Protein backbone atom coordinates (compact mmCIF):
# COMPACT_ATOMS: atom_id res chain seq x y z
CA MET A 1 74.12 -58.66 43.13
CA THR A 2 76.26 -57.86 40.31
CA TYR A 3 73.56 -58.22 37.64
CA ARG A 4 71.14 -56.10 40.06
CA LEU A 5 73.83 -53.35 40.41
CA MET A 6 74.43 -53.32 36.54
CA PHE A 7 70.79 -53.47 35.77
CA VAL A 8 70.00 -50.39 38.12
CA ALA A 9 72.84 -48.54 36.54
CA LEU A 10 71.53 -49.34 33.21
CA MET A 11 68.01 -48.45 33.91
CA SER A 12 69.33 -45.15 35.46
CA ALA A 13 71.10 -44.43 32.25
CA VAL A 14 68.21 -45.17 30.14
CA ALA A 15 65.74 -43.32 32.31
CA THR A 16 67.95 -40.29 32.46
CA PRO A 17 67.34 -38.89 28.97
CA ALA A 18 63.68 -39.62 29.16
CA LEU A 19 63.38 -37.57 32.45
CA ALA A 20 65.07 -34.63 30.69
CA GLN A 21 62.27 -34.40 28.07
CA THR A 22 59.26 -32.58 28.21
CA ALA A 23 56.46 -34.14 30.06
CA PRO A 24 54.36 -35.17 27.06
CA ALA A 25 57.24 -36.66 25.26
CA ALA A 26 58.45 -38.32 28.27
CA GLN A 27 55.12 -40.36 28.74
CA GLN A 28 55.63 -41.85 25.19
CA PRO A 29 57.68 -45.00 24.99
CA GLN A 30 60.81 -44.45 22.78
CA PRO A 31 62.52 -46.93 20.53
CA LEU A 32 65.45 -48.47 22.13
CA ALA A 33 68.02 -50.20 20.01
CA LYS A 34 69.66 -53.42 21.40
CA THR A 35 73.04 -51.87 20.62
CA THR A 36 72.21 -49.09 22.90
CA VAL A 37 71.31 -51.35 25.60
CA LEU A 38 74.41 -53.43 25.25
CA GLN A 39 76.57 -50.13 25.17
CA GLN A 40 74.82 -49.18 28.41
CA LEU A 41 75.36 -52.39 29.93
CA ASP A 42 78.91 -52.54 29.08
CA ALA A 43 79.36 -49.02 30.57
CA ALA A 44 77.63 -50.13 33.69
CA PHE A 45 79.98 -53.20 33.69
CA GLY A 46 82.97 -50.83 33.17
CA ASN A 47 81.95 -48.83 36.16
CA VAL A 48 82.17 -51.90 38.33
CA ASP A 49 85.26 -53.42 36.75
CA ALA A 50 87.73 -51.07 38.36
CA ASN A 51 90.92 -52.64 37.24
CA LYS A 52 89.49 -52.94 33.53
CA ASP A 53 90.51 -56.64 33.02
CA GLY A 54 87.05 -57.57 31.72
CA PHE A 55 86.01 -59.19 34.85
CA THR A 56 84.31 -58.20 38.11
CA ASP A 57 85.49 -59.84 41.28
CA ARG A 58 84.15 -59.82 44.72
CA SER A 59 86.18 -56.69 45.83
CA GLU A 60 85.27 -54.70 42.71
CA ILE A 61 81.50 -55.53 43.28
CA GLU A 62 81.81 -54.66 46.87
CA ALA A 63 83.41 -51.43 46.01
CA ALA A 64 80.69 -50.66 43.61
CA GLU A 65 77.92 -51.47 46.01
CA ASN A 66 79.58 -49.32 48.60
CA ARG A 67 79.78 -46.33 46.11
CA ALA A 68 76.23 -46.86 45.18
CA LEU A 69 75.07 -47.12 48.74
CA ALA A 70 77.18 -43.91 49.67
CA ALA A 71 75.43 -42.05 46.77
CA ARG A 72 72.05 -43.17 47.85
CA LYS A 73 72.88 -42.01 51.44
CA THR A 74 74.02 -38.67 50.13
CA GLN A 75 70.64 -38.35 48.13
CA VAL A 76 68.57 -39.09 51.27
CA ILE A 77 70.57 -36.58 53.35
CA LYS A 78 70.05 -33.91 50.75
CA GLY A 79 66.28 -34.70 50.52
CA ARG A 80 65.97 -34.66 54.46
CA GLU A 81 67.86 -31.19 54.25
CA ALA A 82 65.62 -29.91 51.68
CA ALA A 83 62.53 -31.07 53.56
CA PHE A 84 63.83 -29.49 56.73
CA LYS A 85 64.38 -26.17 54.95
CA GLN A 86 60.84 -26.25 53.62
CA LEU A 87 59.42 -26.95 57.13
CA ASP A 88 61.65 -24.36 59.01
CA LYS A 89 59.41 -21.28 57.90
CA ASP A 90 61.27 -18.84 60.25
CA ASN A 91 64.68 -20.08 58.98
CA ASN A 92 66.26 -20.39 62.50
CA GLY A 93 67.65 -23.76 62.04
CA GLN A 94 65.21 -25.37 64.29
CA LEU A 95 61.70 -26.85 63.88
CA SER A 96 59.17 -26.06 66.25
CA LEU A 97 56.15 -28.68 66.87
CA ALA A 98 53.89 -26.16 64.89
CA GLU A 99 56.38 -26.09 61.96
CA PHE A 100 56.81 -29.85 62.13
CA ASN A 101 53.03 -30.38 62.22
CA ALA A 102 52.12 -27.68 59.67
CA VAL A 103 52.19 -29.85 56.53
CA VAL A 104 49.81 -32.43 57.97
CA ALA A 105 47.76 -29.87 59.55
CA ALA A 106 47.09 -28.02 56.10
CA GLN A 107 46.10 -31.24 54.45
CA ALA A 108 42.31 -31.95 54.31
CA LEU A 109 41.10 -35.03 55.72
CA PRO A 110 39.72 -37.53 53.18
CA LYS A 111 35.80 -37.70 52.85
CA ALA A 112 34.55 -40.40 55.04
CA ASN A 113 32.91 -43.29 52.86
CA PRO A 114 30.78 -45.83 54.88
CA ALA A 115 29.78 -47.58 51.63
CA ALA A 116 32.35 -50.47 52.08
CA PHE A 117 31.39 -51.08 55.76
CA LEU A 118 27.54 -51.07 54.91
CA GLN A 119 28.16 -53.27 51.88
CA ARG A 120 29.94 -55.87 53.99
CA PHE A 121 27.87 -55.83 57.23
CA ASP A 122 24.31 -54.41 56.25
CA SER A 123 22.98 -57.77 55.19
CA ASN A 124 19.34 -56.64 55.04
CA LYS A 125 20.21 -53.50 53.05
CA ASP A 126 18.26 -51.26 55.32
CA GLY A 127 21.16 -48.68 55.50
CA LYS A 128 21.78 -49.57 59.23
CA VAL A 129 24.04 -52.09 60.74
CA SER A 130 22.77 -53.99 63.82
CA VAL A 131 24.85 -55.69 66.47
CA ALA A 132 23.68 -59.13 64.88
CA GLU A 133 24.65 -57.95 61.50
CA HIS A 134 28.02 -56.78 62.52
CA ARG A 135 28.97 -60.07 64.51
CA ASN A 136 27.54 -62.35 61.87
CA PRO A 137 30.44 -62.61 59.50
CA ALA A 138 33.04 -63.28 62.32
CA ALA A 139 30.74 -65.64 63.93
CA ALA A 140 30.21 -67.75 60.90
CA GLN A 141 33.91 -67.59 60.33
CA PHE A 142 34.54 -68.86 63.89
CA ASP A 143 31.80 -71.68 63.44
CA ARG A 144 33.64 -72.88 60.18
CA ALA A 145 37.09 -72.97 61.95
CA ASP A 146 35.69 -74.83 65.06
CA THR A 147 35.82 -78.14 63.16
CA ASN A 148 34.99 -80.17 66.32
CA LYS A 149 32.04 -77.98 67.10
CA ASP A 150 32.96 -77.59 70.63
CA GLY A 151 32.45 -73.87 70.88
CA THR A 152 36.48 -73.33 71.27
CA LEU A 153 39.13 -72.76 68.78
CA SER A 154 41.90 -75.05 69.59
CA VAL A 155 45.49 -74.01 68.68
CA ALA A 156 45.48 -76.27 65.59
CA GLU A 157 42.12 -74.78 64.50
CA GLN A 158 43.40 -71.40 65.03
CA ARG A 159 46.47 -72.28 62.77
CA THR A 160 44.28 -73.72 60.16
CA LEU A 161 42.15 -70.47 60.13
CA ALA A 162 45.22 -68.20 59.93
CA ALA A 163 46.69 -70.44 57.10
CA THR A 164 43.35 -70.28 55.32
CA GLN A 165 43.29 -66.38 55.80
CA ARG A 166 46.80 -66.08 54.42
CA GLY A 167 46.10 -68.25 51.42
CA GLY A 168 42.77 -66.44 50.65
CA ARG A 169 44.57 -62.93 50.26
């Protein structure tokens, strides 16, 4: 946990100057000297080492994590407040259902694309999917899983099928 906390602090310190640059320059990788990385690691460690004895103990780590969590909570609250203010168009401190839904209502729906469905199920490539074409992949999978060919998937066969599906993803 300490390493993760210091790593996050380091990455924040390294990323902050890059974010302040103009957009094209920020996209370009910048050289980073090992001495700079070590200095930033030491600074992050120093932020955790409250008593400055060169070690971090459980209480210092806990305190640093609590500070980081509190800072994150503050960020989330500020973000929510900003979002609320943006949604509250009449600035009355309350959101009507219309204000709440306005952002989503203003967004265009994505264009429907039946290509993937047709590719998967239209086995004869006629541009239509019949009931038989729709059921064939699932029926074939059922038949493969029904190892004793009794027309019923036992609990064991279902578990095997589920494990196969998880492994196949």
